[in-house]
Protein backbone atom coordinates (compact mmCIF):
# COMPACT_ATOMS: atom_id res chain seq x y z
CA MET A 1 -5.44 -11.34 -19.74
CA THR A 2 -3.73 -12.19 -16.77
CA VAL A 3 -2.32 -8.45 -15.19
CA ILE A 4 -0.47 -10.14 -12.36
CA SER A 5 2.48 -12.13 -14.12
CA TYR A 6 4.82 -14.77 -13.50
CA ALA A 7 7.58 -12.05 -13.30
CA ALA A 8 5.63 -9.84 -10.94
CA ILE A 9 5.28 -12.82 -8.34
CA GLN A 10 8.93 -13.59 -8.65
CA ARG A 11 9.85 -9.95 -8.33
CA ARG A 12 7.68 -10.18 -5.12
CA LYS A 13 9.50 -13.24 -3.72
CA TYR A 14 12.80 -11.50 -4.29
CA TRP A 15 11.67 -8.45 -2.23
CA VAL A 16 10.58 -10.48 0.55
CA GLU A 17 13.91 -12.47 0.85
CA GLU A 18 15.79 -9.45 0.32
CA ILE A 19 14.45 -7.65 3.25
CA ARG A 20 14.46 -10.29 5.40
CA LYS A 21 18.54 -10.49 4.77
CA ILE A 22 18.97 -6.96 5.53
CA SER A 23 20.41 -6.44 9.16
CA GLY A 24 23.01 -4.36 10.92
CA ASN A 25 22.46 -0.71 11.02
CA PHE A 26 18.86 -0.03 10.43
CA GLY A 27 19.66 3.26 8.61
CA ASP A 28 22.46 2.10 6.38
CA ASP A 29 20.27 -0.93 5.43
CA SER A 30 17.29 1.13 4.98
CA GLU A 31 19.27 3.74 2.24
CA ARG A 32 20.64 0.76 0.78
CA LEU A 33 16.87 -0.50 0.17
CA GLU A 34 15.77 2.72 -1.17
CA LYS A 35 18.73 2.64 -3.57
CA GLU A 36 18.45 -0.83 -5.02
CA LEU A 37 14.78 0.22 -5.36
CA SER A 38 15.08 3.07 -7.11
CA GLU A 39 17.74 1.75 -9.62
CA GLU A 40 15.41 -1.66 -10.48
CA ILE A 41 12.61 0.75 -11.54
CA LYS A 42 15.15 3.03 -13.31
CA ASP A 43 16.45 -0.17 -15.00
CA LYS A 44 13.09 -2.25 -15.62
CA GLY A 45 10.90 1.10 -16.33
CA ALA A 46 7.28 1.56 -15.26
CA ALA A 47 6.25 -2.22 -15.54
CA SER A 48 8.44 -3.04 -12.17
CA LEU A 49 6.94 -0.08 -10.47
CA LEU A 50 3.37 -1.64 -11.41
CA ASP A 51 4.47 -4.68 -10.15
CA HIS A 52 5.57 -3.16 -6.45
CA LEU A 53 2.43 -1.16 -6.16
CA ARG A 54 0.03 -4.00 -7.00
CA LEU A 55 1.78 -6.46 -4.85
CA SER A 56 3.09 -4.28 -1.68
CA GLY A 57 0.26 -3.77 0.39
CA ASN A 58 0.47 -6.90 2.75
CA ILE A 59 3.61 -7.65 5.07
CA PRO A 60 4.49 -11.33 4.74
CA GLU A 61 3.41 -13.66 7.24
CA SER A 62 6.71 -14.78 7.23
CA TYR A 63 8.03 -11.79 8.81
CA GLY A 64 8.05 -11.74 12.96
CA HIS A 65 5.85 -9.31 14.69
CA ASP A 66 8.14 -6.18 15.61
CA THR A 67 11.29 -7.13 14.00
CA SER A 68 13.95 -5.57 11.93
CA GLU A 69 12.50 -6.98 8.73
CA GLU A 70 8.76 -5.91 9.50
CA LYS A 71 10.30 -2.67 10.03
CA GLN A 72 12.31 -2.94 6.93
CA TYR A 73 9.21 -3.58 5.07
CA SER A 74 7.77 -0.42 6.21
CA LYS A 75 10.62 1.67 4.94
CA TYR A 76 10.60 -0.48 1.59
CA THR A 77 6.77 0.99 1.19
CA ASP A 78 7.91 4.47 1.98
CA ALA A 79 10.44 4.26 -0.66
CA LEU A 80 8.20 2.78 -3.01
CA LEU A 81 5.81 5.40 -2.48
CA SER A 82 8.40 8.24 -3.31
CA GLU A 83 9.62 6.49 -6.36
CA THR A 84 5.97 6.37 -7.68
CA TYR A 85 5.56 10.42 -7.12
CA LYS A 86 8.69 10.69 -8.87
CA ALA A 87 7.76 8.59 -11.78
CA LEU A 88 4.71 11.12 -11.74
CA GLY A 89 6.78 13.87 -12.28
CA LEU A 90 6.88 15.11 -8.92
CA ARG A 91 9.70 15.69 -6.40
CA SER A 92 9.99 13.58 -3.40
CA LEU A 93 12.14 12.52 -0.56
CA VAL A 94 11.66 9.76 2.43
CA LEU A 95 12.27 11.63 5.78
CA LYS A 96 14.26 10.00 7.86
CA GLU A 97 12.93 11.02 11.24
CA ARG A 98 10.33 8.75 12.72
CA ALA A 99 8.23 10.09 15.51
CA ASP A 100 5.78 13.00 14.77
CA ALA A 101 6.43 13.34 11.04
CA ALA A 102 5.12 11.70 7.62
CA ASP A 103 7.51 9.42 6.10
CA VAL A 104 7.06 11.03 2.54
CA GLU A 105 7.29 14.75 1.71
CA VAL A 106 6.04 15.37 -2.10
CA PHE A 107 6.58 18.52 -4.08
CA ALA A 108 4.57 19.52 -7.15
CA ASN A 109 4.81 22.66 -9.35
CA ASN A 110 1.57 24.06 -7.52
CA TYR A 111 1.49 22.37 -4.60
CA SER A 112 2.92 20.13 -1.87
CA PHE A 113 2.03 17.25 0.55
CA VAL A 114 3.05 14.76 2.91
CA ALA A 115 2.20 11.19 2.44
CA ASP A 116 2.21 7.90 4.48
CA ALA A 117 2.14 4.01 3.15
CA LYS A 118 0.23 1.39 5.13
CA ALA A 119 0.77 -2.14 4.68
CA PHE A 120 -1.00 -4.72 6.95
CA ARG A 121 -0.79 -8.94 7.49
CA LEU A 122 -3.49 -10.47 5.57
CA SER A 123 -4.21 -12.29 8.81
CA ARG A 124 -4.81 -9.40 10.99
CA THR A 125 -8.09 -9.03 12.23
CA ALA A 126 -9.97 -5.87 13.39
CA LYS A 127 -7.92 -2.83 12.17
CA ASN A 128 -8.90 0.42 14.08
CA GLN A 129 -8.90 4.21 13.01
CA LYS A 130 -5.63 4.78 14.67
CA ASP A 131 -4.18 2.17 12.47
CA PHE A 132 -4.69 4.55 9.33
CA LYS A 133 -3.19 7.77 11.34
CA ILE A 134 -5.65 10.14 9.55
CA GLN A 135 -5.73 12.52 12.39
CA ALA A 136 -2.12 12.35 12.96
CA MET A 137 -1.33 12.89 8.88
CA ASP A 138 -3.29 16.39 9.56
CA ASP A 139 -1.09 17.43 12.05
CA TRP A 140 1.91 16.49 10.44
CA LYS A 141 1.22 18.52 7.26
CA ARG A 142 3.72 21.18 8.72
CA GLY A 143 2.07 23.84 6.63
CA LYS A 144 1.30 21.97 3.61
CA PRO A 145 -2.02 22.01 2.38
CA TYR A 146 -2.37 18.42 1.67
CA ALA A 147 -1.54 14.85 3.17
CA MET A 148 -2.23 11.33 1.68
CA VAL A 149 -2.89 7.75 3.28
CA VAL A 150 -1.97 5.05 0.64
CA CYS A 151 -3.56 1.71 1.70
CA PRO A 152 -3.96 -1.54 0.34
CA ILE A 153 -7.50 -1.59 -1.41
CA TYR A 154 -8.81 -4.74 -0.25
CA GLN A 155 -8.06 -3.55 3.74
CA LEU A 156 -10.16 -0.35 3.62
CA PRO A 157 -13.75 -0.48 5.15
CA LYS A 158 -16.19 -0.68 2.43
CA THR A 159 -19.19 -0.01 4.24
CA ALA A 160 -18.56 3.09 7.21
CA SER A 161 -16.07 3.94 9.10
CA GLN A 162 -14.64 7.01 11.24
CA ILE A 163 -11.62 7.15 8.75
CA TYR A 164 -13.68 8.85 5.94
CA GLU A 165 -15.25 11.45 8.32
CA GLN A 166 -11.75 12.17 9.80
CA ALA A 167 -10.70 12.21 6.08
CA SER A 168 -13.29 15.01 4.69
CA SER A 169 -13.29 16.82 8.26
CA ARG A 170 -9.53 17.12 8.33
CA ASN A 171 -8.59 17.05 4.45
CA VAL A 172 -6.60 14.11 4.52
CA CYS A 173 -6.90 11.98 1.10
CA ILE A 174 -7.35 8.36 1.75
CA PHE A 175 -5.86 6.49 -1.55
CA THR A 176 -4.89 2.86 -2.45
CA TYR A 177 -1.85 1.49 -4.24
CA SER A 178 -4.73 0.81 -7.02
CA HIS A 179 -5.23 4.19 -7.81
CA LEU A 180 -1.67 5.16 -7.67
CA ALA A 181 -0.91 2.41 -10.21
CA MET A 182 -3.87 3.87 -12.33
CA LEU A 183 -2.08 7.20 -12.44
CA VAL A 184 1.41 5.72 -13.21
CA SER A 185 -0.18 4.41 -16.21
CA TYR A 186 -2.15 7.06 -17.04
CA SER A 187 1.14 9.62 -16.95
CA LEU A 188 2.38 7.19 -19.74
CA ILE A 189 -0.51 8.34 -22.00
CA ASP A 190 -1.35 11.71 -21.23
CA GLY A 191 2.05 12.83 -19.66
CA LYS A 192 3.39 13.44 -16.18
CA GLN A 193 1.82 17.18 -16.18
CA LYS A 194 -1.63 15.91 -16.77
CA ALA A 195 -1.05 13.35 -13.97
CA GLU A 196 0.03 15.67 -11.30
CA GLY A 197 -2.99 17.85 -12.29
CA LEU A 198 -5.04 15.19 -11.78
CA ILE A 199 -3.59 14.57 -8.45
CA HIS A 200 -4.36 18.08 -7.30
CA GLU A 201 -7.90 17.40 -8.66
CA ILE A 202 -8.46 14.50 -6.25
CA PHE A 203 -7.07 16.70 -3.32
CA LYS A 204 -9.38 19.39 -3.76
CA ILE A 205 -12.41 17.13 -3.69
CA ILE A 206 -11.81 15.51 -0.26
CA PRO A 207 -12.45 19.14 1.92
CA ALA A 208 -15.72 19.58 -0.49
CA LEU A 209 -17.31 16.49 1.10
CA ASN A 210 -19.71 16.56 3.76
CA PRO A 211 -17.83 14.72 6.50
CA SER A 212 -19.29 11.25 6.80
CA LYS A 213 -18.57 7.89 7.88
CA ASN A 214 -19.99 6.21 4.60
CA ALA A 215 -17.34 4.82 2.18
CA SER A 216 -19.56 4.83 -0.73
CA GLN A 217 -19.77 8.54 -0.39
CA TYR A 218 -15.98 9.11 -0.45
CA TRP A 219 -15.36 6.84 -3.16
CA LEU A 220 -17.96 7.76 -5.35
CA ALA A 221 -16.38 11.31 -5.21
CA VAL A 222 -12.53 9.86 -5.78
CA ASN A 223 -13.54 7.54 -8.44
CA LYS A 224 -15.42 9.97 -10.21
CA THR A 225 -13.08 12.70 -10.16
CA MET A 226 -10.67 10.17 -11.66
CA LEU A 227 -12.86 8.91 -14.12
CA GLU A 228 -13.90 12.40 -15.34
CA TYR A 229 -10.75 13.89 -15.83
CA SER A 230 -9.76 11.88 -19.11
CA PRO A 231 -11.53 9.27 -21.01
CA LYS A 232 -8.55 7.62 -21.36
CA ILE A 233 -8.76 6.38 -17.53
CA GLU A 234 -11.55 3.87 -18.29
CA ASN A 235 -9.73 1.31 -19.79
CA LEU A 236 -7.02 1.75 -17.26
CA TRP A 237 -9.65 1.39 -14.70
CA LYS A 238 -10.65 -1.91 -15.93
CA LEU A 239 -7.29 -3.13 -15.48
CA GLU A 240 -6.65 -2.23 -12.20
CA LYS A 241 -10.10 -3.82 -10.96
CA GLN A 242 -8.76 -7.08 -12.56
CA ALA A 243 -5.17 -6.37 -10.79
CA ALA A 244 -6.78 -6.09 -7.52
CA VAL A 245 -8.59 -9.15 -7.99
CA GLU A 246 -5.34 -11.20 -8.94
CA SER A 247 -3.30 -9.26 -6.24
CA ILE A 248 -5.51 -10.34 -3.49
CA ALA A 249 -5.16 -14.27 -5.14
CA ALA A 250 -1.47 -13.57 -4.89
CA VAL A 251 -0.85 -12.64 -1.65
CA LYS A 252 -3.29 -14.85 -0.28
CA GLU A 253 -1.38 -17.77 -1.89
CA GLU A 254 1.77 -16.52 -0.59
CA ALA A 255 0.70 -16.56 2.81
CA LEU A 256 -1.12 -19.76 2.87
CA LEU A 257 1.76 -21.71 1.55
CA PHE A 258 3.96 -19.96 4.34
CA LEU A 259 1.58 -21.02 7.05
CA ALA A 260 1.12 -24.42 5.54
CA ALA A 261 4.76 -24.78 5.70
CA GLU A 262 4.72 -23.80 9.22
CA ARG A 263 2.11 -26.18 10.29
CA GLU A 264 3.92 -29.45 8.41
CA LYS A 265 7.15 -28.48 10.44
CA ILE A 266 5.26 -28.27 13.84
CA MET A 267 3.58 -31.62 12.81
CA ARG A 268 7.13 -33.10 12.13
CA MET A 269 8.51 -32.55 15.51
CA SER A 270 8.90 -34.14 18.70
CA HIS A 271 6.83 -33.72 21.41
CA ASP A 272 9.11 -31.70 23.18
CA GLU A 273 10.32 -29.60 20.16
CA ALA A 274 6.58 -29.17 19.37
CA ILE A 275 5.53 -27.45 22.65
CA LYS A 276 8.85 -25.12 22.62
CA GLU A 277 7.64 -24.20 18.88
CA LEU A 278 4.12 -23.80 19.75
CA ILE A 279 5.00 -21.15 22.85
CA GLN A 280 6.24 -18.78 19.85
CA VAL A 281 4.36 -19.53 17.09
CA HIS A 282 0.34 -20.18 17.43
CA LYS A 283 -2.76 -19.02 15.95
CA ILE A 284 -1.85 -20.64 12.52
CA GLU A 285 -5.39 -22.01 11.86
CA SER A 286 -7.25 -18.90 12.76
CA ARG A 287 -4.92 -16.80 10.90
CA ILE A 288 -5.60 -19.29 7.85
CA LYS A 289 -9.22 -18.58 8.36
CA VAL A 290 -8.87 -14.71 8.08
CA ILE A 291 -6.83 -14.95 5.01
CA ILE A 292 -9.30 -16.87 2.89
CA SER A 293 -11.93 -14.55 3.99
CA VAL A 294 -10.24 -11.76 2.40
CA SER A 295 -11.84 -10.76 -0.70
CA ASP A 296 -12.32 -7.67 -3.28
CA ASN A 297 -14.67 -5.17 -1.61
CA LYS A 298 -15.48 -3.63 -5.04
CA LEU A 299 -14.41 -0.14 -3.85
CA LEU A 300 -13.24 0.31 -7.71
CA GLY A 301 -16.71 -0.27 -8.56
CA ILE A 302 -18.15 3.06 -6.82
CA ARG A 303 -18.50 5.25 -9.80
């Protein structure tokens, strides 16, 4: 059975283009984007939300660096995070301020937290600890007990990293879109209140860890907390493991198609046109090699 459907891929294409088309006033455009996403999820239901979660972790290669479309994509992932928490029965809002603040605030019945969504280009090579903003999220709690950084699972370090040591010492939960998708599916089976309780259990396990750079130690604690919470999560786990593998293939195909088209465009140019283009667009071959090398890091297999 295929988890990432043709409809999911088409939804992804639509939103990549929709974000590209947005221009003008950044604030107004961001609000329109949030509203459209909210209306789509309300209309199409959990299936739409799951499609977004499984495919949203990578910034499209077709977006220029530091462009308005790249910034709007960041707002899209913030809005997606907020909609996900709402679907889990929590109250959530996307904060408009950008400096020295988390992007999303969330309120449950018995606890609250701040959250931040991360997305990376597949062709990006080295990511350092500052890219994940673990220390900053601790500072941005603003009195709230918890913080969550949501990342694409295949972009997280799988052996050792300072981000895991920082997470346990600063009480910041590193989470993934895959784990969030599991929570959404679980809430449909056992109800939003149980899902809300599971999030709380995950938050509580983070400060109980001995600070360590060891990725396996961190993910063993998070994954076991989820799997032991309810036997119903086992099947959802298998589904998201497959979805994670399929999503990598889907986003790699998207990126490679774009870069292949860019290479063909350059090859068809005149000499002068090619020189001008190459001043702006470069490193296509190296970006392709990085994208091809992306693979499942098997973090969901740590249990």
